[in-house]
Protein backbone atom coordinates (compact mmCIF):
# COMPACT_ATOMS: atom_id res chain seq x y z
CA UNK A 1 20.14 -14.92 -6.81
CA UNK A 2 22.09 -14.87 -3.49
CA UNK A 3 21.20 -12.09 -1.07
CA UNK A 4 21.75 -8.55 -2.36
CA UNK A 5 24.28 -6.70 -0.19
CA UNK A 6 24.41 -3.28 -1.91
CA UNK A 7 22.61 -1.04 -4.36
CA UNK A 8 23.41 -1.45 -8.06
CA UNK A 9 24.60 1.68 -9.85
CA UNK A 10 21.25 2.42 -11.48
CA UNK A 11 19.46 2.24 -8.14
CA UNK A 12 22.04 4.52 -6.51
CA UNK A 13 21.48 7.06 -9.29
CA UNK A 14 17.73 6.81 -8.78
CA UNK A 15 18.02 7.48 -5.03
CA UNK A 16 20.35 10.42 -5.65
CA UNK A 17 17.95 11.92 -8.18
CA UNK A 18 14.60 11.26 -6.50
CA UNK A 19 15.40 10.60 -2.84
CA UNK A 20 14.24 14.09 -1.81
CA UNK A 21 10.62 13.05 -2.47
CA UNK A 22 10.75 10.79 0.59
CA UNK A 23 10.62 12.02 4.17
CA UNK A 24 13.39 9.94 5.75
CA UNK A 25 16.11 7.38 5.19
CA UNK A 26 13.73 4.49 5.86
CA UNK A 27 11.48 5.54 2.99
CA UNK A 28 14.48 6.09 0.73
CA UNK A 29 15.74 2.61 1.58
CA UNK A 30 12.37 1.05 0.76
CA UNK A 31 12.28 3.02 -2.50
CA UNK A 32 15.72 1.62 -3.40
CA UNK A 33 14.71 -1.90 -2.37
CA UNK A 34 11.56 -1.86 -4.44
CA UNK A 35 13.20 -0.44 -7.59
CA UNK A 36 16.07 -2.92 -7.24
CA UNK A 37 13.67 -5.80 -6.67
CA UNK A 38 11.49 -4.92 -9.66
CA UNK A 39 14.54 -5.22 -11.90
CA UNK A 40 16.54 -8.14 -10.46
CA UNK A 41 14.27 -10.18 -8.14
CA UNK A 42 13.12 -13.58 -9.36
CA UNK A 43 9.68 -13.01 -7.83
CA UNK A 44 8.64 -9.37 -7.89
CA UNK A 45 5.88 -9.40 -5.29
CA UNK A 46 6.44 -7.53 -2.01
CA UNK A 47 7.42 -10.78 -0.28
CA UNK A 48 9.66 -11.88 -3.16
CA UNK A 49 11.48 -8.53 -3.28
CA UNK A 50 11.99 -8.51 0.49
CA UNK A 51 13.59 -11.99 0.39
CA UNK A 52 16.24 -10.88 -2.12
CA UNK A 53 18.22 -8.82 0.40
CA UNK A 54 20.81 -10.17 2.81
CA UNK A 55 19.88 -7.63 5.47
CA UNK A 56 16.48 -6.01 5.45
CA UNK A 57 13.49 -5.12 7.58
CA UNK A 58 10.31 -7.15 7.94
CA UNK A 59 8.19 -7.57 4.85
CA UNK A 60 5.39 -5.56 6.47
CA UNK A 61 7.59 -2.43 6.37
CA UNK A 62 7.87 -2.62 2.58
CA UNK A 63 4.14 -3.29 2.43
CA UNK A 64 3.37 -0.16 4.46
CA UNK A 65 5.74 1.85 2.26
CA UNK A 66 3.39 1.13 -0.65
CA UNK A 67 0.06 1.35 1.12
CA UNK A 68 0.39 3.85 4.00
CA UNK A 69 3.63 5.86 4.03
CA UNK A 70 3.16 9.59 3.25
CA UNK A 71 4.82 10.17 -0.12
CA UNK A 72 3.37 11.71 -3.28
CA UNK A 73 3.49 9.25 -6.18
CA UNK A 74 2.13 11.76 -8.71
CA UNK A 75 4.74 14.38 -7.78
CA UNK A 76 7.42 11.70 -8.11
CA UNK A 77 6.07 10.84 -11.56
CA UNK A 78 6.19 14.48 -12.69
CA UNK A 79 9.80 14.70 -11.48
CA UNK A 80 10.62 11.56 -13.49
CA UNK A 81 9.18 13.16 -16.64
CA UNK A 82 11.10 16.39 -15.95
CA UNK A 83 14.29 14.37 -15.49
CA UNK A 84 13.95 12.91 -18.99
CA UNK A 85 14.04 16.44 -20.42
CA UNK A 86 17.65 16.81 -19.31
CA UNK A 87 18.74 14.13 -21.79
CA UNK A 88 18.71 14.97 -25.50
CA UNK A 89 17.79 11.37 -26.35
CA UNK A 90 14.58 11.43 -24.27
CA UNK A 91 13.59 15.10 -24.56
CA UNK A 92 10.19 16.17 -25.88
CA UNK A 93 9.97 17.45 -29.46
CA UNK A 94 7.27 18.40 -31.94
CA UNK A 95 8.15 15.26 -33.93
CA UNK A 96 7.55 13.02 -30.93
CA UNK A 97 4.49 10.80 -30.51
CA UNK A 98 2.10 10.26 -27.60
CA UNK A 99 0.88 6.68 -27.92
CA UNK A 100 -2.29 5.69 -26.05
CA UNK A 101 -3.40 2.11 -25.48
CA UNK A 102 -4.84 -0.15 -22.80
CA UNK A 103 -3.36 -3.32 -21.33
CA UNK A 104 -4.68 -6.10 -19.10
CA UNK A 105 -2.54 -6.88 -16.05
CA UNK A 106 -3.17 -10.43 -14.78
CA UNK A 107 -3.83 -11.08 -11.10
CA UNK A 108 -4.61 -14.14 -9.00
CA UNK A 109 -6.60 -12.57 -6.18
CA UNK A 110 -10.25 -11.64 -6.72
CA UNK A 111 -10.23 -9.30 -3.70
CA UNK A 112 -7.66 -6.87 -5.15
CA UNK A 113 -9.26 -3.45 -5.52
CA UNK A 114 -10.64 -2.72 -9.04
CA UNK A 115 -9.85 -6.16 -10.53
CA UNK A 116 -12.50 -7.82 -12.66
CA UNK A 117 -13.06 -10.42 -15.35
CA UNK A 118 -11.95 -9.11 -18.75
CA UNK A 119 -11.83 -10.74 -22.15
CA UNK A 120 -8.28 -11.03 -23.48
CA UNK A 121 -8.38 -10.92 -27.30
CA UNK A 122 -4.85 -12.27 -27.61
CA UNK A 123 -5.30 -15.30 -25.35
CA UNK A 124 -9.02 -15.62 -26.23
CA UNK A 125 -10.17 -16.16 -22.67
CA UNK A 126 -11.53 -14.29 -19.70
CA UNK A 127 -9.01 -13.44 -17.00
CA UNK A 128 -8.90 -11.74 -13.62
CA UNK A 129 -7.05 -8.52 -14.29
CA UNK A 130 -6.67 -4.79 -13.97
CA UNK A 131 -7.40 -2.81 -17.12
CA UNK A 132 -4.95 0.10 -17.46
CA UNK A 133 -4.84 2.89 -20.05
CA UNK A 134 -1.37 4.32 -20.65
CA UNK A 135 -0.06 7.40 -22.42
CA UNK A 136 3.53 6.80 -23.52
CA UNK A 137 6.03 9.14 -25.14
CA UNK A 138 8.08 8.07 -28.17
CA UNK A 139 11.12 10.24 -28.91
CA UNK A 140 12.65 10.87 -32.32
CA UNK A 141 15.65 8.80 -31.19
CA UNK A 142 13.47 5.72 -30.77
CA UNK A 143 13.60 5.79 -26.98
CA UNK A 144 10.25 5.75 -25.24
CA UNK A 145 8.83 5.84 -21.72
CA UNK A 146 5.42 6.01 -20.00
CA UNK A 147 3.86 9.34 -19.08
CA UNK A 148 0.56 8.76 -17.27
CA UNK A 149 -2.01 6.04 -16.70
CA UNK A 150 -5.59 5.48 -15.63
CA UNK A 151 -7.09 2.32 -14.10
CA UNK A 152 -10.47 1.30 -15.46
CA UNK A 153 -13.18 0.23 -13.05
CA UNK A 154 -16.14 -1.79 -14.27
CA UNK A 155 -19.61 -0.29 -14.09
CA UNK A 156 -21.06 -2.83 -11.64
CA UNK A 157 -18.15 -2.24 -9.27
CA UNK A 158 -18.73 1.53 -9.44
CA UNK A 159 -22.41 1.03 -8.64
CA UNK A 160 -21.57 -1.20 -5.67
CA UNK A 161 -19.11 1.41 -4.35
CA UNK A 162 -21.46 4.33 -5.14
CA UNK A 163 -18.94 5.85 -7.56
CA UNK A 164 -19.36 7.48 -10.94
CA UNK A 165 -18.61 5.10 -13.82
CA UNK A 166 -15.97 6.38 -16.25
CA UNK A 167 -15.66 4.52 -19.54
CA UNK A 168 -12.56 4.09 -21.70
CA UNK A 169 -13.33 7.12 -23.86
CA UNK A 170 -13.59 9.40 -20.84
CA UNK A 171 -10.37 7.97 -19.41
CA UNK A 172 -8.66 8.58 -22.76
CA UNK A 173 -9.84 12.18 -22.72
CA UNK A 174 -8.46 12.55 -19.18
CA UNK A 175 -5.05 11.35 -20.42
CA UNK A 176 -5.20 13.75 -23.39
CA UNK A 177 -6.06 16.64 -21.05
CA UNK A 178 -3.20 15.75 -18.72
CA UNK A 179 -0.72 15.65 -21.60
CA UNK A 180 -1.99 18.98 -22.95
CA UNK A 181 -1.96 20.61 -19.51
CA UNK A 182 1.68 19.55 -19.17
CA UNK A 183 2.27 21.09 -22.64
CA UNK A 184 3.89 17.93 -23.95
CA UNK A 185 4.42 18.33 -27.72
CA UNK A 186 3.89 15.62 -30.29
CA UNK A 187 1.22 13.70 -32.19
CA UNK A 188 -1.33 11.48 -30.47
CA UNK A 189 -1.62 7.99 -31.91
CA UNK A 190 -3.84 5.01 -31.06
CA UNK A 191 -5.48 1.93 -32.55
CA UNK A 192 -9.03 1.55 -33.90
CA UNK A 193 -10.53 0.96 -30.43
CA UNK A 194 -9.87 4.62 -29.57
CA UNK A 195 -10.76 6.07 -32.99
CA UNK A 196 -14.16 7.55 -32.21
CA UNK A 197 -15.73 10.93 -32.85
CA UNK A 198 -15.58 12.01 -29.21
CA UNK A 199 -11.83 11.43 -28.88
CA UNK A 200 -11.00 12.79 -32.36
CA UNK A 201 -13.00 15.98 -31.76
CA UNK A 202 -11.51 16.47 -28.31
CA UNK A 203 -7.90 16.18 -29.51
CA UNK A 204 -8.64 18.47 -32.48
CA UNK A 205 -10.03 21.09 -30.07
CA UNK A 206 -6.69 21.31 -28.23
CA UNK A 207 -3.96 23.67 -29.46
CA UNK A 208 -0.27 23.02 -29.99
CA UNK A 209 2.61 25.48 -29.59
CA UNK A 210 1.77 27.14 -32.93
CA UNK A 211 -1.92 27.49 -31.98
CA UNK A 212 -2.90 24.77 -34.44
CA UNK A 213 -5.18 21.84 -33.50
CA UNK A 214 -3.28 19.01 -31.82
CA UNK A 215 -2.49 16.26 -34.31
CA UNK A 216 -3.56 12.62 -34.14
CA UNK A 217 -3.08 9.46 -36.21
CA UNK A 218 -5.23 6.37 -35.65
CA UNK A 219 -6.59 3.47 -37.62
CA UNK A 220 -10.18 2.94 -38.70
CA UNK A 221 -12.29 -0.14 -38.34
CA UNK A 222 -13.31 -1.48 -41.72
CA UNK A 223 -17.02 -0.99 -40.96
CA UNK A 224 -16.64 2.71 -40.15
CA UNK A 225 -18.91 5.01 -42.19
CA UNK A 226 -17.45 7.96 -44.12
CA UNK A 227 -18.75 10.55 -46.55
CA UNK A 228 -17.39 9.59 -49.97
CA UNK A 229 -18.43 11.35 -53.19
CA UNK A 230 -21.37 12.94 -51.42
CA UNK A 231 -22.77 9.70 -49.98
CA UNK A 232 -22.37 7.85 -46.69
CA UNK A 233 -20.47 4.60 -47.25
CA UNK A 234 -18.58 2.00 -45.26
CA UNK A 235 -14.85 2.62 -45.60
CA UNK A 236 -14.16 -0.98 -46.68
CA UNK A 237 -16.57 -0.46 -49.58
CA UNK A 238 -14.71 2.72 -50.50
CA UNK A 239 -11.43 0.77 -50.45
CA UNK A 240 -12.90 -1.94 -52.68
CA UNK A 241 -13.97 0.71 -55.22
CA UNK A 242 -10.44 2.07 -55.67
CA UNK A 243 -9.06 0.71 -58.97
CA UNK A 244 -5.59 -0.84 -58.84
CA UNK A 245 -4.15 1.77 -61.20
CA UNK A 246 -4.97 4.50 -58.63
CA UNK A 247 -2.97 2.75 -55.91
CA UNK A 248 0.54 4.11 -55.39
CA UNK A 249 3.64 2.26 -54.23
CA UNK A 250 5.38 3.04 -50.96
CA UNK A 251 8.57 1.37 -49.74
CA UNK A 252 10.17 0.81 -46.37
CA UNK A 253 13.50 -0.93 -46.80
CA UNK A 254 12.82 -4.12 -48.76
CA UNK A 255 9.13 -4.05 -47.90
CA UNK A 256 6.65 -2.38 -50.18
CA UNK A 257 2.93 -1.68 -49.93
CA UNK A 258 0.34 0.10 -52.00
CA UNK A 259 -1.78 3.00 -50.83
CA UNK A 260 -4.56 5.39 -51.72
CA UNK A 261 -5.20 8.58 -49.80
CA UNK A 262 -8.01 11.11 -49.77
CA UNK A 263 -9.46 13.89 -47.65
CA UNK A 264 -13.04 13.31 -46.61
CA UNK A 265 -15.53 13.65 -43.77
CA UNK A 266 -16.69 11.21 -41.09
CA UNK A 267 -20.16 11.48 -39.52
CA UNK A 268 -20.10 13.27 -36.12
CA UNK A 269 -16.47 14.29 -36.59
CA UNK A 270 -16.45 18.10 -36.78
CA UNK A 271 -13.34 18.45 -38.97
CA UNK A 272 -12.06 17.01 -42.22
CA UNK A 273 -9.70 14.05 -42.04
CA UNK A 274 -7.28 12.33 -44.32
CA UNK A 275 -7.49 8.56 -44.74
CA UNK A 276 -4.69 6.33 -45.98
CA UNK A 277 -5.76 2.91 -47.27
CA UNK A 278 -2.96 0.34 -47.40
CA UNK A 279 -2.79 -2.93 -49.36
CA UNK A 280 -0.07 -5.58 -49.30
CA UNK A 281 -0.44 -6.21 -53.03
CA UNK A 282 -1.63 -3.78 -55.66
CA UNK A 283 -4.60 -5.90 -56.73
CA UNK A 284 -5.67 -7.12 -53.27
CA UNK A 285 -9.40 -6.92 -52.64
CA UNK A 286 -9.11 -6.34 -48.87
CA UNK A 287 -6.88 -3.58 -47.48
CA UNK A 288 -4.28 -4.35 -44.83
CA UNK A 289 -4.88 -1.22 -42.77
CA UNK A 290 -6.79 2.06 -42.95
CA UNK A 291 -5.30 5.07 -41.15
CA UNK A 292 -6.91 8.41 -40.34
CA UNK A 293 -5.46 11.77 -39.28
CA UNK A 294 -6.59 15.35 -38.88
CA UNK A 295 -3.37 16.53 -40.57
CA UNK A 296 -4.78 16.63 -44.11
CA UNK A 297 -1.57 18.19 -45.48
CA UNK A 298 0.85 15.55 -44.20
CA UNK A 299 2.71 13.23 -46.54
CA UNK A 300 1.78 9.57 -46.34
CA UNK A 301 5.26 8.63 -45.14
CA UNK A 302 4.97 10.87 -42.09
CA UNK A 303 1.54 9.45 -41.22
CA UNK A 304 2.98 5.94 -41.35
CA UNK A 305 5.98 6.92 -39.20
CA UNK A 306 3.70 8.25 -36.48
CA UNK A 307 1.46 5.20 -36.53
CA UNK A 308 4.44 2.85 -36.23
CA UNK A 309 5.33 4.71 -33.04
CA UNK A 310 2.05 3.45 -31.58
CA UNK A 311 3.49 -0.06 -31.48
CA UNK A 312 6.88 1.14 -30.23
CA UNK A 313 5.36 3.23 -27.47
CA UNK A 314 2.77 0.81 -26.15
CA UNK A 315 3.39 -2.84 -26.97
CA UNK A 316 7.09 -2.82 -26.09
CA UNK A 317 6.47 -1.06 -22.77
CA UNK A 318 3.67 -3.50 -21.90
CA UNK A 319 5.85 -6.49 -22.83
CA UNK A 320 8.94 -5.30 -20.95
CA UNK A 321 6.86 -4.16 -17.99
CA UNK A 322 5.30 -7.60 -17.64
CA UNK A 323 8.31 -9.77 -18.50
CA UNK A 324 11.15 -7.79 -16.91
CA UNK A 325 9.75 -5.39 -14.28
CA UNK A 326 6.93 -7.22 -12.50
CA UNK A 327 4.10 -5.02 -13.76
CA UNK A 328 1.55 -7.69 -12.86
CA UNK A 329 3.32 -9.29 -9.89
CA UNK A 330 2.01 -7.00 -7.14
CA UNK A 331 -0.77 -8.80 -5.27
CA UNK A 332 -1.59 -6.07 -2.72
CA UNK A 333 -5.32 -5.72 -2.17
CA UNK A 334 -5.07 -2.00 -1.48
CA UNK A 335 -5.80 0.29 -4.45
CA UNK A 336 -3.22 2.89 -3.43
CA UNK A 337 -0.62 0.16 -3.13
CA UNK A 338 -1.39 -1.00 -6.68
CA UNK A 339 -1.21 2.59 -7.97
CA UNK A 340 2.14 3.25 -6.29
CA UNK A 341 3.45 -0.08 -7.56
CA UNK A 342 2.66 1.02 -11.12
CA UNK A 343 4.37 4.38 -10.65
CA UNK A 344 7.47 2.58 -9.38
CA UNK A 345 7.42 0.21 -12.36
CA UNK A 346 7.40 3.30 -14.57
CA UNK A 347 10.31 4.70 -12.55
CA UNK A 348 12.32 1.49 -12.98
CA UNK A 349 11.58 1.55 -16.71
CA UNK A 350 12.81 5.14 -17.02
CA UNK A 351 15.99 4.48 -15.04
CA UNK A 352 16.84 1.59 -17.36
CA UNK A 353 15.85 3.54 -20.48
CA UNK A 354 18.42 6.19 -19.58
CA UNK A 355 21.12 3.50 -19.80
CA UNK A 356 20.23 2.27 -23.31
CA UNK A 357 21.84 3.00 -26.69
CA UNK A 358 24.87 4.80 -25.29
CA UNK A 359 27.92 5.50 -27.43
CA UNK A 360 30.03 3.22 -25.26
CA UNK A 361 29.53 0.50 -22.68
CA UNK A 362 28.58 1.61 -19.20
CA UNK A 363 31.28 0.74 -16.68
CA UNK A 364 28.80 -1.03 -14.39
CA UNK A 365 27.23 -3.02 -17.25
CA UNK A 366 30.47 -4.04 -19.03
CA UNK A 367 28.65 -3.95 -22.38
CA UNK A 368 26.51 -1.69 -24.57
CA UNK A 369 22.83 -1.99 -23.69
CA UNK A 370 20.14 -1.91 -26.36
CA UNK A 371 17.01 -3.30 -24.66
CA UNK A 372 15.32 -3.24 -21.27
CA UNK A 373 15.92 -6.99 -20.96
CA UNK A 374 19.67 -6.57 -21.53
CA UNK A 375 19.80 -3.76 -18.97
CA UNK A 376 17.93 -5.87 -16.41
CA UNK A 377 20.29 -8.82 -16.86
CA UNK A 378 23.35 -6.54 -16.68
CA UNK A 379 22.05 -5.12 -13.41
CA UNK A 380 21.52 -8.65 -12.09
CA UNK A 381 25.13 -9.51 -12.95
CA UNK A 382 26.35 -6.37 -11.20
CA UNK A 383 24.41 -7.36 -8.06
CA UNK A 384 25.90 -10.85 -8.22
CA UNK A 385 29.43 -9.41 -8.52
CA UNK A 386 28.79 -7.27 -5.43
CA UNK A 387 27.53 -10.28 -3.48
CA UNK A 388 30.50 -12.47 -4.46
CA UNK A 389 32.98 -9.72 -3.63
CA UNK A 390 31.34 -9.23 -0.23
CA UNK A 391 31.40 -12.98 0.50
CA UNK A 392 35.10 -13.29 -0.46
CA UNK A 393 35.96 -10.30 1.71
CA UNK A 394 34.09 -11.74 4.70
CA UNK A 395 35.80 -15.15 4.45
CA UNK A 396 39.32 -14.23 3.31
CA UNK A 397 39.96 -10.86 4.97
CA UNK A 398 37.66 -10.92 7.96
CA UNK A 399 38.16 -14.62 8.67
CA UNK A 400 34.48 -15.31 9.16
CA UNK A 401 33.14 -18.85 9.01
CA UNK A 402 31.69 -19.64 5.61
CA UNK A 403 28.51 -21.02 7.18
CA UNK A 404 27.96 -17.70 8.92
CA UNK A 405 28.39 -15.91 5.59
CA UNK A 406 25.89 -18.25 3.94
CA UNK A 407 23.41 -17.51 6.70
CA UNK A 408 23.86 -13.79 6.18
CA UNK A 409 23.07 -14.30 2.50
CA UNK A 410 20.03 -16.42 3.28
CA UNK A 411 21.57 -19.48 1.64
CA UNK A 412 22.02 -21.68 4.69
């Protein structure tokens, strides 16, 4: 779009709320520029963001803001999480969910710190990427936002840099510990990749506000072994042995499935679990999904609700982060720069989330906002209105030559 001449409303609110975490006006300006650029810039790299503004400093200044300037990204992130607690629609609750998942962030440069070749199961190819693990919070209102993240580093890279290798399970446990230390309530949920005895036992060992073990809901791989009727069996074989007359119907709107549930034990898991086996049709041979939880007294409906939050809390954030907020567009080689970039993406996501699903249209947006994409486009339109108003004022009221105005906007 034409050069940005002022801060959109959302960015102004962000600076007012979090500007105190930066030492001076220059840092606050770069914070505003970067947040604004992540949302409205066509290209969301440092260079692309810098080019969006009619009047700005050299690109290297924005680069140094990410890589060298003295500001605490983790403290800023904690303040962002605290800020969400002031809004009833994004506040923590016991019925909330903490969804954990990993995501590959594509990159072009092989010299970016911690990038490596990873297999993408969706695209079925190897790609140069960062591998991030995220913990996201899903509220009872349906709103969700990221909490914390860890960046995975491959074992050979750790050996070359003389660092300790930390695998995905250990990184997951770090995220669980951070959530518990922060005393964030809710149920942990993840997919089958994270359903292992180490993670299940660790979460179960933590205590909630009522001094009960922290709850989790995950799904099981079909080849996972369980103790069924006194013998060790593969869970898919257990599912196949369940007669159709023992399968119960469960409905969600017009969709119905069939389920069987039981409390049993899993080798190396030091507590009893409840499994829920789901079929699309009552007489299907293969189940659709197998869920597991340490809440053996929960109703099946509640288990399903929590597991659905896994998709809401992870896949939608990953999609919106990549498509709308430039999650993978930062090409800085510096590891700290990449880390700060991710924290600022999370900040931009939270600022937009606060604008969604309001009772009436925001004055700056001119319409009710339901998705991150809608909020991003509304903010782009607001920036365009500001630019057009500025250009008209310069030509009509200040009698400036239109070519000079075009040059100021970077359009000449």
